[in-house]
All heavy atoms as atom14 arrays in JSON, in Angstrom:
{
  "sequence": "DKDLKQSDAAEMLNIKQQQYSEYEEGLRLMPITYSFEFCRCMNI",
  "atom14_mask": [
    [1, 1, 1, 1, 1, 1, 1, 1, 0, 0, 0, 0, 0, 0],
    [1, 1, 1, 1, 1, 1, 1, 1, 1, 0, 0, 0, 0, 0],
    [1, 1, 1, 1, 1, 1, 1, 1, 0, 0, 0, 0, 0, 0],
    [1, 1, 1, 1, 1, 1, 1, 1, 0, 0, 0, 0, 0, 0],
    [1, 1, 1, 1, 1, 1, 1, 1, 1, 0, 0, 0, 0, 0],
    [1, 1, 1, 1, 1, 1, 1, 1, 1, 0, 0, 0, 0, 0],
    [1, 1, 1, 1, 1, 1, 0, 0, 0, 0, 0, 0, 0, 0],
    [1, 1, 1, 1, 1, 1, 1, 1, 0, 0, 0, 0, 0, 0],
    [1, 1, 1, 1, 1, 0, 0, 0, 0, 0, 0, 0, 0, 0],
    [1, 1, 1, 1, 1, 0, 0, 0, 0, 0, 0, 0, 0, 0],
    [1, 1, 1, 1, 1, 1, 1, 1, 1, 0, 0, 0, 0, 0],
    [1, 1, 1, 1, 1, 1, 1, 1, 0, 0, 0, 0, 0, 0],
    [1, 1, 1, 1, 1, 1, 1, 1, 0, 0, 0, 0, 0, 0],
    [1, 1, 1, 1, 1, 1, 1, 1, 0, 0, 0, 0, 0, 0],
    [1, 1, 1, 1, 1, 1, 1, 1, 0, 0, 0, 0, 0, 0],
    [1, 1, 1, 1, 1, 1, 1, 1, 1, 0, 0, 0, 0, 0],
    [1, 1, 1, 1, 1, 1, 1, 1, 1, 0, 0, 0, 0, 0],
    [1, 1, 1, 1, 1, 1, 1, 1, 1, 0, 0, 0, 0, 0],
    [1, 1, 1, 1, 1, 1, 1, 1, 1, 0, 0, 0, 0, 0],
    [1, 1, 1, 1, 1, 1, 1, 1, 1, 1, 1, 1, 0, 0],
    [1, 1, 1, 1, 1, 1, 0, 0, 0, 0, 0, 0, 0, 0],
    [1, 1, 1, 1, 1, 1, 1, 1, 1, 0, 0, 0, 0, 0],
    [1, 1, 1, 1, 1, 1, 1, 1, 1, 1, 1, 1, 0, 0],
    [1, 1, 1, 1, 1, 1, 1, 1, 1, 0, 0, 0, 0, 0],
    [1, 1, 1, 1, 1, 1, 1, 1, 1, 0, 0, 0, 0, 0],
    [1, 1, 1, 1, 0, 0, 0, 0, 0, 0, 0, 0, 0, 0],
    [1, 1, 1, 1, 1, 1, 1, 1, 0, 0, 0, 0, 0, 0],
    [1, 1, 1, 1, 1, 1, 1, 1, 1, 1, 1, 0, 0, 0],
    [1, 1, 1, 1, 1, 1, 1, 1, 0, 0, 0, 0, 0, 0],
    [1, 1, 1, 1, 1, 1, 1, 1, 0, 0, 0, 0, 0, 0],
    [1, 1, 1, 1, 1, 1, 1, 0, 0, 0, 0, 0, 0, 0],
    [1, 1, 1, 1, 1, 1, 1, 1, 0, 0, 0, 0, 0, 0],
    [1, 1, 1, 1, 1, 1, 1, 0, 0, 0, 0, 0, 0, 0],
    [1, 1, 1, 1, 1, 1, 1, 1, 1, 1, 1, 1, 0, 0],
    [1, 1, 1, 1, 1, 1, 0, 0, 0, 0, 0, 0, 0, 0],
    [1, 1, 1, 1, 1, 1, 1, 1, 1, 1, 1, 0, 0, 0],
    [1, 1, 1, 1, 1, 1, 1, 1, 1, 0, 0, 0, 0, 0],
    [1, 1, 1, 1, 1, 1, 1, 1, 1, 1, 1, 0, 0, 0],
    [1, 1, 1, 1, 1, 1, 0, 0, 0, 0, 0, 0, 0, 0],
    [1, 1, 1, 1, 1, 1, 1, 1, 1, 1, 1, 0, 0, 0],
    [1, 1, 1, 1, 1, 1, 0, 0, 0, 0, 0, 0, 0, 0],
    [1, 1, 1, 1, 1, 1, 1, 1, 0, 0, 0, 0, 0, 0],
    [1, 1, 1, 1, 1, 1, 1, 1, 0, 0, 0, 0, 0, 0],
    [1, 1, 1, 1, 1, 1, 1, 1, 0, 0, 0, 0, 0, 0]
  ],
  "atom14_positions": [
    [[-93.65, 92.04, 20.79], [-94.57, 91.09, 21.42], [-94.81, 91.43, 22.89], [-95.85, 91.13, 23.44], [-94.01, 89.66, 21.34], [-94.1, 89.08, 19.94], [-94.82, 89.65, 19.08], [-93.45, 88.04, 19.7], [0.0, 0.0, 0.0], [0.0, 0.0, 0.0], [0.0, 0.0, 0.0], [0.0, 0.0, 0.0], [0.0, 0.0, 0.0], [0.0, 0.0, 0.0]],
    [[-93.83, 92.07, 23.51], [-93.95, 92.48, 24.91], [-94.52, 93.9, 25.03], [-94.55, 94.47, 26.11], [-92.58, 92.45, 25.6], [-91.86, 91.13, 25.52], [-92.34, 90.18, 26.56], [-91.46, 88.91, 26.49], [-91.87, 87.92, 27.43], [0.0, 0.0, 0.0], [0.0, 0.0, 0.0], [0.0, 0.0, 0.0], [0.0, 0.0, 0.0], [0.0, 0.0, 0.0]],
    [[-94.95, 94.47, 23.89], [-95.5, 95.84, 23.85], [-94.52, 96.88, 24.4], [-94.91, 97.8, 25.13], [-96.84, 95.94, 24.61], [-97.94, 95.16, 23.92], [-97.95, 95.14, 22.67], [-98.78, 94.58, 24.62], [0.0, 0.0, 0.0], [0.0, 0.0, 0.0], [0.0, 0.0, 0.0], [0.0, 0.0, 0.0], [0.0, 0.0, 0.0], [0.0, 0.0, 0.0]],
    [[-93.25, 96.72, 24.02], [-92.22, 97.66, 24.44], [-91.74, 98.49, 23.25], [-91.72, 98.01, 22.12], [-91.02, 96.91, 25.03], [-91.29, 96.09, 26.28], [-90.06, 95.27, 26.64], [-91.69, 96.99, 27.44], [0.0, 0.0, 0.0], [0.0, 0.0, 0.0], [0.0, 0.0, 0.0], [0.0, 0.0, 0.0], [0.0, 0.0, 0.0], [0.0, 0.0, 0.0]],
    [[-91.35, 99.72, 23.54], [-90.75, 100.58, 22.53], [-89.24, 100.35, 22.55], [-88.7, 99.79, 23.5], [-91.06, 102.05, 22.82], [-92.54, 102.38, 22.75], [-92.78, 103.84, 23.03], [-92.76, 104.03, 24.54], [-93.12, 105.36, 24.96], [0.0, 0.0, 0.0], [0.0, 0.0, 0.0], [0.0, 0.0, 0.0], [0.0, 0.0, 0.0], [0.0, 0.0, 0.0]],
    [[-88.56, 100.79, 21.5], [-87.11, 100.68, 21.48], [-86.5, 101.39, 22.68], [-85.53, 100.9, 23.26], [-86.54, 101.27, 20.18], [-86.7, 100.38, 18.99], [-85.99, 100.92, 17.76], [-85.57, 102.09, 17.72], [-85.86, 100.08, 16.75], [0.0, 0.0, 0.0], [0.0, 0.0, 0.0], [0.0, 0.0, 0.0], [0.0, 0.0, 0.0], [0.0, 0.0, 0.0]],
    [[-87.07, 102.5, 23.05], [-86.53, 103.24, 24.2], [-86.66, 102.43, 25.49], [-85.79, 102.52, 26.37], [-87.21, 104.6, 24.34], [-88.61, 104.44, 24.49], [0.0, 0.0, 0.0], [0.0, 0.0, 0.0], [0.0, 0.0, 0.0], [0.0, 0.0, 0.0], [0.0, 0.0, 0.0], [0.0, 0.0, 0.0], [0.0, 0.0, 0.0], [0.0, 0.0, 0.0]],
    [[-87.72, 101.63, 25.61], [-87.87, 100.77, 26.78], [-86.78, 99.7, 26.82], [-86.18, 99.46, 27.88], [-89.24, 100.06, 26.77], [-90.41, 101.02, 26.82], [-90.3, 102.07, 27.49], [-91.44, 100.72, 26.18], [0.0, 0.0, 0.0], [0.0, 0.0, 0.0], [0.0, 0.0, 0.0], [0.0, 0.0, 0.0], [0.0, 0.0, 0.0], [0.0, 0.0, 0.0]],
    [[-86.52, 99.08, 25.69], [-85.48, 98.05, 25.61], [-84.11, 98.67, 25.89], [-83.29, 98.09, 26.6], [-85.51, 97.37, 24.25], [0.0, 0.0, 0.0], [0.0, 0.0, 0.0], [0.0, 0.0, 0.0], [0.0, 0.0, 0.0], [0.0, 0.0, 0.0], [0.0, 0.0, 0.0], [0.0, 0.0, 0.0], [0.0, 0.0, 0.0], [0.0, 0.0, 0.0]],
    [[-83.88, 99.84, 25.34], [-82.6, 100.53, 25.56], [-82.42, 100.85, 27.04], [-81.32, 100.67, 27.58], [-82.54, 101.8, 24.72], [0.0, 0.0, 0.0], [0.0, 0.0, 0.0], [0.0, 0.0, 0.0], [0.0, 0.0, 0.0], [0.0, 0.0, 0.0], [0.0, 0.0, 0.0], [0.0, 0.0, 0.0], [0.0, 0.0, 0.0], [0.0, 0.0, 0.0]],
    [[-83.47, 101.27, 27.68], [-83.39, 101.58, 29.11], [-83.05, 100.33, 29.92], [-82.26, 100.38, 30.86], [-84.7, 102.19, 29.59], [-84.66, 102.68, 31.01], [-85.94, 103.38, 31.41], [-86.54, 104.08, 30.58], [-86.33, 103.22, 32.59], [0.0, 0.0, 0.0], [0.0, 0.0, 0.0], [0.0, 0.0, 0.0], [0.0, 0.0, 0.0], [0.0, 0.0, 0.0]],
    [[-83.64, 99.2, 29.57], [-83.34, 97.95, 30.26], [-81.86, 97.58, 30.14], [-81.28, 97.0, 31.05], [-84.18, 96.8, 29.71], [-85.63, 96.85, 30.11], [-86.55, 95.37, 29.65], [-86.32, 95.29, 27.89], [0.0, 0.0, 0.0], [0.0, 0.0, 0.0], [0.0, 0.0, 0.0], [0.0, 0.0, 0.0], [0.0, 0.0, 0.0], [0.0, 0.0, 0.0]],
    [[-81.26, 97.92, 28.99], [-79.86, 97.6, 28.75], [-78.92, 98.72, 29.19], [-77.71, 98.58, 29.09], [-79.65, 97.3, 27.26], [-80.43, 96.11, 26.71], [-80.23, 96.01, 25.2], [-80.02, 94.82, 27.39], [0.0, 0.0, 0.0], [0.0, 0.0, 0.0], [0.0, 0.0, 0.0], [0.0, 0.0, 0.0], [0.0, 0.0, 0.0], [0.0, 0.0, 0.0]],
    [[-79.51, 99.82, 29.65], [-78.75, 100.99, 30.08], [-77.9, 101.56, 28.93], [-76.72, 101.87, 29.11], [-77.88, 100.66, 31.3], [-77.44, 101.89, 32.04], [-78.13, 102.91, 32.04], [-76.29, 101.82, 32.68], [0.0, 0.0, 0.0], [0.0, 0.0, 0.0], [0.0, 0.0, 0.0], [0.0, 0.0, 0.0], [0.0, 0.0, 0.0], [0.0, 0.0, 0.0]],
    [[-78.53, 101.65, 27.76], [-77.88, 102.24, 26.59], [-78.83, 103.25, 25.97], [-80.0, 103.34, 26.34], [-77.48, 101.16, 25.53], [-78.72, 100.41, 25.03], [-76.43, 100.22, 26.11], [-78.43, 99.4, 23.93], [0.0, 0.0, 0.0], [0.0, 0.0, 0.0], [0.0, 0.0, 0.0], [0.0, 0.0, 0.0], [0.0, 0.0, 0.0], [0.0, 0.0, 0.0]],
    [[-78.35, 104.01, 24.99], [-79.2, 104.99, 24.31], [-80.1, 104.29, 23.29], [-79.74, 103.25, 22.73], [-78.33, 106.03, 23.61], [-77.55, 106.85, 24.6], [-76.74, 107.92, 23.91], [-75.94, 108.62, 24.99], [-75.63, 109.95, 24.71], [0.0, 0.0, 0.0], [0.0, 0.0, 0.0], [0.0, 0.0, 0.0], [0.0, 0.0, 0.0], [0.0, 0.0, 0.0]],
    [[-81.25, 104.9, 23.03], [-82.22, 104.34, 22.09], [-81.61, 104.18, 20.7], [-81.84, 103.18, 20.03], [-83.48, 105.21, 22.06], [-84.59, 104.67, 21.18], [-84.47, 105.1, 19.72], [-83.95, 106.18, 19.43], [-84.93, 104.27, 18.82], [0.0, 0.0, 0.0], [0.0, 0.0, 0.0], [0.0, 0.0, 0.0], [0.0, 0.0, 0.0], [0.0, 0.0, 0.0]],
    [[-80.82, 105.15, 20.27], [-80.2, 105.08, 18.94], [-79.27, 103.87, 18.84], [-79.25, 103.19, 17.82], [-79.43, 106.37, 18.64], [-78.74, 106.38, 17.29], [-79.74, 106.28, 16.13], [-80.84, 106.79, 16.19], [-79.34, 105.61, 15.07], [0.0, 0.0, 0.0], [0.0, 0.0, 0.0], [0.0, 0.0, 0.0], [0.0, 0.0, 0.0], [0.0, 0.0, 0.0]],
    [[-78.53, 103.61, 19.88], [-77.63, 102.46, 19.9], [-78.43, 101.17, 19.79], [-78.1, 100.28, 19.01], [-76.79, 102.46, 21.18], [-75.77, 101.36, 21.28], [-74.95, 101.44, 22.55], [-75.04, 102.4, 23.31], [-74.15, 100.43, 22.79], [0.0, 0.0, 0.0], [0.0, 0.0, 0.0], [0.0, 0.0, 0.0], [0.0, 0.0, 0.0], [0.0, 0.0, 0.0]],
    [[-79.51, 101.05, 20.58], [-80.36, 99.87, 20.5], [-80.95, 99.72, 19.11], [-80.99, 98.62, 18.55], [-81.48, 99.91, 21.55], [-82.38, 98.73, 21.42], [-82.04, 97.52, 22.01], [-83.55, 98.78, 20.66], [-82.83, 96.4, 21.84], [-84.34, 97.68, 20.49], [-83.99, 96.49, 21.08], [-84.78, 95.37, 20.89], [0.0, 0.0, 0.0], [0.0, 0.0, 0.0]],
    [[-81.41, 100.81, 18.53], [-81.99, 100.79, 17.2], [-81.01, 100.23, 16.17], [-81.39, 99.44, 15.3], [-82.41, 102.21, 16.79], [-82.88, 102.23, 15.47], [0.0, 0.0, 0.0], [0.0, 0.0, 0.0], [0.0, 0.0, 0.0], [0.0, 0.0, 0.0], [0.0, 0.0, 0.0], [0.0, 0.0, 0.0], [0.0, 0.0, 0.0], [0.0, 0.0, 0.0]],
    [[-79.75, 100.61, 16.29], [-78.74, 100.1, 15.36], [-78.52, 98.6, 15.53], [-78.27, 97.89, 14.55], [-77.43, 100.87, 15.55], [-77.55, 102.3, 15.06], [-76.35, 103.17, 15.37], [-75.39, 102.68, 16.04], [-76.35, 104.33, 14.95], [0.0, 0.0, 0.0], [0.0, 0.0, 0.0], [0.0, 0.0, 0.0], [0.0, 0.0, 0.0], [0.0, 0.0, 0.0]],
    [[-78.63, 98.09, 16.75], [-78.55, 96.65, 16.96], [-79.74, 95.96, 16.3], [-79.6, 94.97, 15.6], [-78.55, 96.3, 18.45], [-77.35, 96.79, 19.22], [-77.48, 97.19, 20.54], [-76.09, 96.85, 18.65], [-76.39, 97.63, 21.28], [-74.99, 97.3, 19.37], [-75.14, 97.68, 20.68], [-74.08, 98.12, 21.41], [0.0, 0.0, 0.0], [0.0, 0.0, 0.0]],
    [[-80.92, 96.5, 16.54], [-82.15, 95.89, 16.03], [-82.19, 95.91, 14.5], [-82.67, 94.97, 13.88], [-83.35, 96.62, 16.62], [-84.64, 95.86, 16.47], [-85.77, 96.48, 17.25], [-85.86, 96.22, 18.46], [-86.55, 97.24, 16.66], [0.0, 0.0, 0.0], [0.0, 0.0, 0.0], [0.0, 0.0, 0.0], [0.0, 0.0, 0.0], [0.0, 0.0, 0.0]],
    [[-81.68, 96.97, 13.9], [-81.68, 97.09, 12.44], [-80.53, 96.34, 11.78], [-80.45, 96.28, 10.55], [-81.64, 98.57, 12.04], [-82.91, 99.32, 12.43], [-82.81, 100.81, 12.17], [-82.0, 101.21, 11.3], [-83.53, 101.57, 12.82], [0.0, 0.0, 0.0], [0.0, 0.0, 0.0], [0.0, 0.0, 0.0], [0.0, 0.0, 0.0], [0.0, 0.0, 0.0]],
    [[-79.63, 95.79, 12.58], [-78.5, 95.05, 12.03], [-77.36, 95.92, 11.55], [-76.49, 95.47, 10.82], [0.0, 0.0, 0.0], [0.0, 0.0, 0.0], [0.0, 0.0, 0.0], [0.0, 0.0, 0.0], [0.0, 0.0, 0.0], [0.0, 0.0, 0.0], [0.0, 0.0, 0.0], [0.0, 0.0, 0.0], [0.0, 0.0, 0.0], [0.0, 0.0, 0.0]],
    [[-77.36, 97.18, 11.96], [-76.29, 98.09, 11.57], [-75.05, 97.9, 12.43], [-73.95, 98.26, 12.02], [-76.77, 99.54, 11.66], [-77.96, 99.89, 10.77], [-78.42, 101.32, 11.03], [-77.61, 99.7, 9.3], [0.0, 0.0, 0.0], [0.0, 0.0, 0.0], [0.0, 0.0, 0.0], [0.0, 0.0, 0.0], [0.0, 0.0, 0.0], [0.0, 0.0, 0.0]],
    [[-75.25, 97.37, 13.64], [-74.15, 97.07, 14.56], [-74.43, 95.73, 15.2], [-75.59, 95.33, 15.35], [-74.08, 98.12, 15.69], [-73.76, 99.51, 15.22], [-73.87, 100.52, 16.34], [-72.82, 100.31, 17.34], [-72.65, 101.11, 18.39], [-73.46, 102.13, 18.59], [-71.69, 100.9, 19.24], [0.0, 0.0, 0.0], [0.0, 0.0, 0.0], [0.0, 0.0, 0.0]],
    [[-73.37, 95.04, 15.59], [-73.53, 93.78, 16.31], [-73.68, 94.06, 17.8], [-72.93, 94.86, 18.36], [-72.33, 92.87, 16.08], [-72.15, 92.33, 14.67], [-70.85, 91.52, 14.58], [-73.34, 91.47, 14.28], [0.0, 0.0, 0.0], [0.0, 0.0, 0.0], [0.0, 0.0, 0.0], [0.0, 0.0, 0.0], [0.0, 0.0, 0.0], [0.0, 0.0, 0.0]],
    [[-74.65, 93.41, 18.42], [-74.87, 93.59, 19.84], [-73.85, 92.76, 20.61], [-73.71, 91.56, 20.35], [-76.29, 93.16, 20.22], [-76.61, 93.34, 21.7], [-78.26, 92.77, 22.14], [-79.22, 94.23, 21.74], [0.0, 0.0, 0.0], [0.0, 0.0, 0.0], [0.0, 0.0, 0.0], [0.0, 0.0, 0.0], [0.0, 0.0, 0.0], [0.0, 0.0, 0.0]],
    [[-73.13, 93.36, 21.55], [-72.2, 92.59, 22.37], [-72.92, 91.5, 23.16], [-74.09, 91.65, 23.53], [-71.6, 93.64, 23.32], [-71.84, 94.94, 22.65], [-73.11, 94.79, 21.88], [0.0, 0.0, 0.0], [0.0, 0.0, 0.0], [0.0, 0.0, 0.0], [0.0, 0.0, 0.0], [0.0, 0.0, 0.0], [0.0, 0.0, 0.0], [0.0, 0.0, 0.0]],
    [[-72.22, 90.43, 23.42], [-72.82, 89.29, 24.11], [-73.38, 89.68, 25.48], [-74.42, 89.15, 25.89], [-71.82, 88.12, 24.22], [-72.51, 86.84, 24.69], [-70.67, 88.46, 25.15], [-73.34, 86.19, 23.64], [0.0, 0.0, 0.0], [0.0, 0.0, 0.0], [0.0, 0.0, 0.0], [0.0, 0.0, 0.0], [0.0, 0.0, 0.0], [0.0, 0.0, 0.0]],
    [[-72.76, 90.62, 26.15], [-73.27, 91.03, 27.46], [-74.65, 91.67, 27.34], [-75.52, 91.43, 28.18], [-72.31, 92.0, 28.16], [-72.02, 93.09, 27.28], [-71.01, 91.31, 28.56], [0.0, 0.0, 0.0], [0.0, 0.0, 0.0], [0.0, 0.0, 0.0], [0.0, 0.0, 0.0], [0.0, 0.0, 0.0], [0.0, 0.0, 0.0], [0.0, 0.0, 0.0]],
    [[-74.87, 92.45, 26.31], [-76.2, 93.03, 26.09], [-77.18, 91.96, 25.63], [-78.35, 91.98, 26.02], [-76.15, 94.15, 25.05], [-75.41, 95.39, 25.48], [-74.87, 96.25, 24.53], [-75.24, 95.73, 26.81], [-74.19, 97.4, 24.9], [-74.56, 96.88, 27.19], [-74.03, 97.71, 26.22], [-73.37, 98.85, 26.59], [0.0, 0.0, 0.0], [0.0, 0.0, 0.0]],
    [[-76.73, 91.03, 24.8], [-77.6, 89.95, 24.35], [-78.08, 89.13, 25.54], [-79.26, 88.78, 25.64], [-76.87, 89.03, 23.36], [-76.5, 89.73, 22.22], [0.0, 0.0, 0.0], [0.0, 0.0, 0.0], [0.0, 0.0, 0.0], [0.0, 0.0, 0.0], [0.0, 0.0, 0.0], [0.0, 0.0, 0.0], [0.0, 0.0, 0.0], [0.0, 0.0, 0.0]],
    [[-77.16, 88.82, 26.45], [-77.5, 88.06, 27.65], [-78.55, 88.81, 28.47], [-79.56, 88.25, 28.89], [-76.24, 87.81, 28.49], [-76.52, 87.17, 29.81], [-76.77, 85.81, 29.9], [-76.55, 87.93, 30.97], [-77.04, 85.22, 31.12], [-76.82, 87.35, 32.19], [-77.06, 85.99, 32.27], [0.0, 0.0, 0.0], [0.0, 0.0, 0.0], [0.0, 0.0, 0.0]],
    [[-78.31, 90.1, 28.68], [-79.24, 90.91, 29.48], [-80.59, 91.05, 28.78], [-81.64, 90.99, 29.43], [-78.63, 92.29, 29.75], [-79.43, 93.15, 30.7], [-79.54, 92.58, 32.11], [-78.77, 91.68, 32.48], [-80.44, 93.04, 32.83], [0.0, 0.0, 0.0], [0.0, 0.0, 0.0], [0.0, 0.0, 0.0], [0.0, 0.0, 0.0], [0.0, 0.0, 0.0]],
    [[-80.59, 91.2, 27.46], [-81.84, 91.28, 26.69], [-82.65, 90.0, 26.9], [-83.84, 90.06, 27.18], [-81.53, 91.51, 25.21], [-82.75, 91.62, 24.35], [-83.46, 92.8, 24.27], [-83.2, 90.53, 23.61], [-84.59, 92.91, 23.48], [-84.32, 90.63, 22.81], [-85.03, 91.82, 22.75], [0.0, 0.0, 0.0], [0.0, 0.0, 0.0], [0.0, 0.0, 0.0]],
    [[-82.0, 88.85, 26.76], [-82.7, 87.57, 26.93], [-83.24, 87.43, 28.35], [-84.36, 86.97, 28.55], [-81.77, 86.41, 26.62], [-81.36, 86.27, 24.87], [0.0, 0.0, 0.0], [0.0, 0.0, 0.0], [0.0, 0.0, 0.0], [0.0, 0.0, 0.0], [0.0, 0.0, 0.0], [0.0, 0.0, 0.0], [0.0, 0.0, 0.0], [0.0, 0.0, 0.0]],
    [[-82.44, 87.83, 29.32], [-82.87, 87.74, 30.71], [-84.1, 88.63, 30.96], [-85.09, 88.19, 31.54], [-81.73, 88.15, 31.64], [-82.01, 87.86, 33.12], [-80.92, 88.39, 34.02], [-80.89, 89.85, 34.06], [-81.8, 90.62, 34.68], [-82.82, 90.06, 35.28], [-81.7, 91.92, 34.66], [0.0, 0.0, 0.0], [0.0, 0.0, 0.0], [0.0, 0.0, 0.0]],
    [[-84.05, 89.85, 30.47], [-85.17, 90.79, 30.67], [-86.43, 90.34, 29.94], [-87.54, 90.55, 30.43], [-84.78, 92.19, 30.22], [-83.57, 93.0, 31.27], [0.0, 0.0, 0.0], [0.0, 0.0, 0.0], [0.0, 0.0, 0.0], [0.0, 0.0, 0.0], [0.0, 0.0, 0.0], [0.0, 0.0, 0.0], [0.0, 0.0, 0.0], [0.0, 0.0, 0.0]],
    [[-86.26, 89.76, 28.77], [-87.4, 89.33, 27.96], [-87.88, 87.92, 28.31], [-88.89, 87.46, 27.79], [-87.04, 89.38, 26.47], [-86.74, 90.75, 25.96], [-88.22, 91.77, 26.0], [-87.55, 93.31, 25.52], [0.0, 0.0, 0.0], [0.0, 0.0, 0.0], [0.0, 0.0, 0.0], [0.0, 0.0, 0.0], [0.0, 0.0, 0.0], [0.0, 0.0, 0.0]],
    [[-87.12, 87.25, 29.18], [-87.45, 85.89, 29.6], [-87.52, 84.93, 28.4], [-88.49, 84.2, 28.22], [-88.75, 85.86, 30.4], [-88.91, 84.58, 31.17], [-87.92, 83.96, 31.57], [-90.14, 84.15, 31.36], [0.0, 0.0, 0.0], [0.0, 0.0, 0.0], [0.0, 0.0, 0.0], [0.0, 0.0, 0.0], [0.0, 0.0, 0.0], [0.0, 0.0, 0.0]],
    [[-86.48, 85.01, 27.56], [-86.37, 84.12, 26.39], [-84.98, 83.5, 26.38], [-84.07, 83.97, 27.04], [-86.61, 84.89, 25.07], [-85.6, 86.04, 24.93], [-88.04, 85.4, 24.97], [-85.63, 86.73, 23.59], [0.0, 0.0, 0.0], [0.0, 0.0, 0.0], [0.0, 0.0, 0.0], [0.0, 0.0, 0.0], [0.0, 0.0, 0.0], [0.0, 0.0, 0.0]]
  ]
}
């Protein structure tokens, strides 16, 4: 919805794109610290 690529979101969280992709696909659980930062960056 924000017209961002996975690599953009990963950069905001200071992680690799592959790691972010695994969170988004549900292959790994995102730590609360990353969830907090994701919400802050996305303003949600």
